């Protein structure tokens, strides 16, 4: 498993963000029973940077807390059998040619939003960082929250990943 973490924000989180992100990513991969070694890229940025990315990729002209860029187009969430079906034609699209790892995708986290939301929701910055990472990992596995049903499934999975790590409100 390769987890590339880049810290590009000036404002610092006073916690071991690398360990928290690594633990949550690994737990999510195990929880979703990903049969491959995988690669995830995580970048921590400031409000201005995530605002620009949000505007460019989602046409939303405001900062957000986290953005997810899945590397796999799932037919149904975490359907790794469908990846097997496409391997012969599109293996280069899904796997790092140097390592053979499945390219799950990219996560962009906003440091200021982590701090603001931890305060707003009355829990620790560790919990907010872990929650946003778990949330984004579910997006990387193809889950979404566009309908109440999808939202309920995704929220239950995020909660289970955090519970398994003992990270609660």
Protein backbone atom coordinates (compact mmCIF):
# COMPACT_ATOMS: atom_id res chain seq x y z
CA UNK A 1 0.00 0.00 0.00
CA UNK A 2 1.35 3.38 -0.97
CA UNK A 3 -0.05 6.51 0.62
CA UNK A 4 1.55 9.69 -0.66
CA UNK A 5 0.89 12.64 1.66
CA UNK A 6 1.77 16.21 0.72
CA UNK A 7 1.29 19.10 3.14
CA UNK A 8 0.97 22.32 1.14
CA UNK A 9 -0.88 24.54 3.63
CA UNK A 10 0.95 27.13 5.71
CA UNK A 11 -1.36 26.63 8.68
CA UNK A 12 -0.35 23.55 10.65
CA UNK A 13 -2.42 20.87 12.30
CA UNK A 14 -1.09 20.13 15.78
CA UNK A 15 -1.50 16.39 15.50
CA UNK A 16 0.13 13.43 13.80
CA UNK A 17 -1.82 13.89 10.56
CA UNK A 18 0.29 11.36 8.64
CA UNK A 19 -0.53 8.55 11.07
CA UNK A 20 -4.24 9.45 11.19
CA UNK A 21 -4.54 9.56 7.40
CA UNK A 22 -2.53 6.35 6.99
CA UNK A 23 -4.58 4.50 9.60
CA UNK A 24 -7.91 5.57 8.07
CA UNK A 25 -6.85 4.82 4.49
CA UNK A 26 -5.58 1.37 5.45
CA UNK A 27 -8.69 0.60 7.50
CA UNK A 28 -10.99 1.71 4.66
CA UNK A 29 -9.10 -0.47 2.16
CA UNK A 30 -9.39 -3.45 4.52
CA UNK A 31 -13.04 -2.70 5.32
CA UNK A 32 -13.98 -2.59 1.63
CA UNK A 33 -11.97 -5.78 1.06
CA UNK A 34 -9.89 -4.34 -1.75
CA UNK A 35 -8.09 -7.37 -3.20
CA UNK A 36 -5.18 -5.32 -4.56
CA UNK A 37 -2.27 -3.41 -3.21
CA UNK A 38 -3.38 0.17 -3.70
CA UNK A 39 -2.11 3.73 -4.02
CA UNK A 40 -3.79 6.84 -2.62
CA UNK A 41 -2.56 10.42 -2.89
CA UNK A 42 -3.52 12.88 -0.15
CA UNK A 43 -2.82 16.60 -0.24
CA UNK A 44 -3.53 19.01 2.61
CA UNK A 45 -4.12 22.53 1.35
CA UNK A 46 -5.42 25.94 2.44
CA UNK A 47 -8.87 27.42 1.76
CA UNK A 48 -7.70 29.38 -1.27
CA UNK A 49 -6.24 26.31 -2.97
CA UNK A 50 -9.25 24.07 -2.39
CA UNK A 51 -11.49 26.93 -3.55
CA UNK A 52 -9.61 27.05 -6.85
CA UNK A 53 -9.73 23.27 -7.27
CA UNK A 54 -13.45 23.17 -6.40
CA UNK A 55 -14.14 25.90 -8.97
CA UNK A 56 -12.07 24.25 -11.67
CA UNK A 57 -13.34 20.68 -11.28
CA UNK A 58 -16.86 21.11 -9.87
CA UNK A 59 -17.80 24.63 -11.02
CA UNK A 60 -18.49 25.53 -7.38
CA UNK A 61 -17.04 28.93 -6.53
CA UNK A 62 -16.31 28.38 -2.82
CA UNK A 63 -13.94 26.47 -0.58
CA UNK A 64 -14.95 23.03 0.68
CA UNK A 65 -13.63 20.65 3.32
CA UNK A 66 -12.54 17.74 1.12
CA UNK A 67 -12.45 16.78 -2.55
CA UNK A 68 -12.18 13.25 -3.88
CA UNK A 69 -10.91 12.24 -7.29
CA UNK A 70 -11.51 8.51 -7.79
CA UNK A 71 -9.11 6.65 -10.04
CA UNK A 72 -11.54 3.82 -10.76
CA UNK A 73 -14.92 4.03 -12.49
CA UNK A 74 -17.01 1.49 -10.61
CA UNK A 75 -20.24 0.11 -12.04
CA UNK A 76 -21.33 -0.42 -8.44
CA UNK A 77 -19.33 0.71 -5.39
CA UNK A 78 -16.34 -1.47 -4.49
CA UNK A 79 -17.12 -3.90 -7.31
CA UNK A 80 -13.62 -5.21 -7.81
CA UNK A 81 -14.88 -8.02 -10.07
CA UNK A 82 -15.78 -5.40 -12.68
CA UNK A 83 -12.18 -4.18 -12.59
CA UNK A 84 -11.08 -7.74 -13.33
CA UNK A 85 -13.35 -7.75 -16.39
CA UNK A 86 -11.69 -4.60 -17.72
CA UNK A 87 -8.09 -5.55 -16.93
CA UNK A 88 -7.27 -6.84 -20.39
CA UNK A 89 -8.36 -3.60 -22.08
CA UNK A 90 -7.70 -0.86 -19.53
CA UNK A 91 -5.12 -2.12 -17.03
CA UNK A 92 -2.96 0.95 -17.66
CA UNK A 93 -5.87 3.16 -16.58
CA UNK A 94 -6.25 1.55 -13.16
CA UNK A 95 -2.78 0.40 -12.10
CA UNK A 96 0.53 2.13 -11.53
CA UNK A 97 2.84 0.59 -14.14
CA UNK A 98 5.86 0.91 -11.83
CA UNK A 99 4.36 -0.70 -8.72
CA UNK A 100 1.36 -2.66 -10.00
CA UNK A 101 -0.80 -0.96 -7.36
CA UNK A 102 -4.43 -0.06 -7.99
CA UNK A 103 -4.68 3.73 -8.35
CA UNK A 104 -7.61 4.38 -6.00
CA UNK A 105 -7.38 8.14 -6.45
CA UNK A 106 -6.62 11.49 -4.89
CA UNK A 107 -7.89 13.22 -1.76
CA UNK A 108 -7.56 16.96 -1.15
CA UNK A 109 -8.18 18.12 2.44
CA UNK A 110 -8.57 21.72 3.62
CA UNK A 111 -6.66 22.41 6.84
CA UNK A 112 -8.75 25.48 7.79
CA UNK A 113 -12.01 23.56 7.30
CA UNK A 114 -10.72 20.71 9.46
CA UNK A 115 -10.08 23.18 12.28
CA UNK A 116 -13.34 25.13 11.78
CA UNK A 117 -15.53 22.03 11.57
CA UNK A 118 -13.92 20.35 14.57
CA UNK A 119 -14.82 23.45 16.58
CA UNK A 120 -18.28 23.75 15.02
CA UNK A 121 -19.20 20.09 15.67
CA UNK A 122 -17.57 19.94 19.09
CA UNK A 123 -15.03 17.22 18.48
CA UNK A 124 -11.28 17.00 18.02
CA UNK A 125 -9.31 17.94 14.93
CA UNK A 126 -8.13 14.32 14.89
CA UNK A 127 -11.73 13.13 14.59
CA UNK A 128 -12.53 15.68 11.85
CA UNK A 129 -9.43 14.74 9.84
CA UNK A 130 -10.23 11.04 10.24
CA UNK A 131 -13.88 11.58 9.30
CA UNK A 132 -13.06 13.57 6.15
CA UNK A 133 -10.47 10.98 5.13
CA UNK A 134 -12.95 8.12 5.65
CA UNK A 135 -15.61 10.07 3.75
CA UNK A 136 -13.26 10.64 0.85
CA UNK A 137 -12.13 7.01 0.83
CA UNK A 138 -15.74 5.92 0.39
CA UNK A 139 -15.92 8.22 -2.64
CA UNK A 140 -12.74 6.58 -3.97
CA UNK A 141 -14.56 3.25 -3.70
CA UNK A 142 -17.47 4.60 -5.73
CA UNK A 143 -19.95 5.49 -2.99
CA UNK A 144 -21.90 8.73 -3.12
CA UNK A 145 -24.54 10.62 -1.14
CA UNK A 146 -26.81 12.03 -3.83
CA UNK A 147 -29.92 10.24 -2.50
CA UNK A 148 -30.99 9.50 1.09
CA UNK A 149 -30.39 5.80 0.47
CA UNK A 150 -26.86 6.35 -0.86
CA UNK A 151 -26.14 8.73 1.98
CA UNK A 152 -27.24 6.20 4.61
CA UNK A 153 -24.99 3.49 3.15
CA UNK A 154 -22.00 5.81 2.89
CA UNK A 155 -22.46 7.24 6.39
CA UNK A 156 -22.71 3.74 7.90
CA UNK A 157 -19.48 2.69 6.18
CA UNK A 158 -17.62 5.84 7.30
CA UNK A 159 -18.81 5.32 10.88
CA UNK A 160 -17.75 1.66 10.86
CA UNK A 161 -14.25 2.51 9.63
CA UNK A 162 -13.86 5.14 12.36
CA UNK A 163 -15.37 2.85 15.02
CA UNK A 164 -12.91 0.09 14.09
CA UNK A 165 -10.10 2.59 14.73
CA UNK A 166 -11.66 3.81 18.00
CA UNK A 167 -12.10 7.33 16.63
CA UNK A 168 -15.40 8.66 17.89
CA UNK A 169 -16.98 12.03 18.63
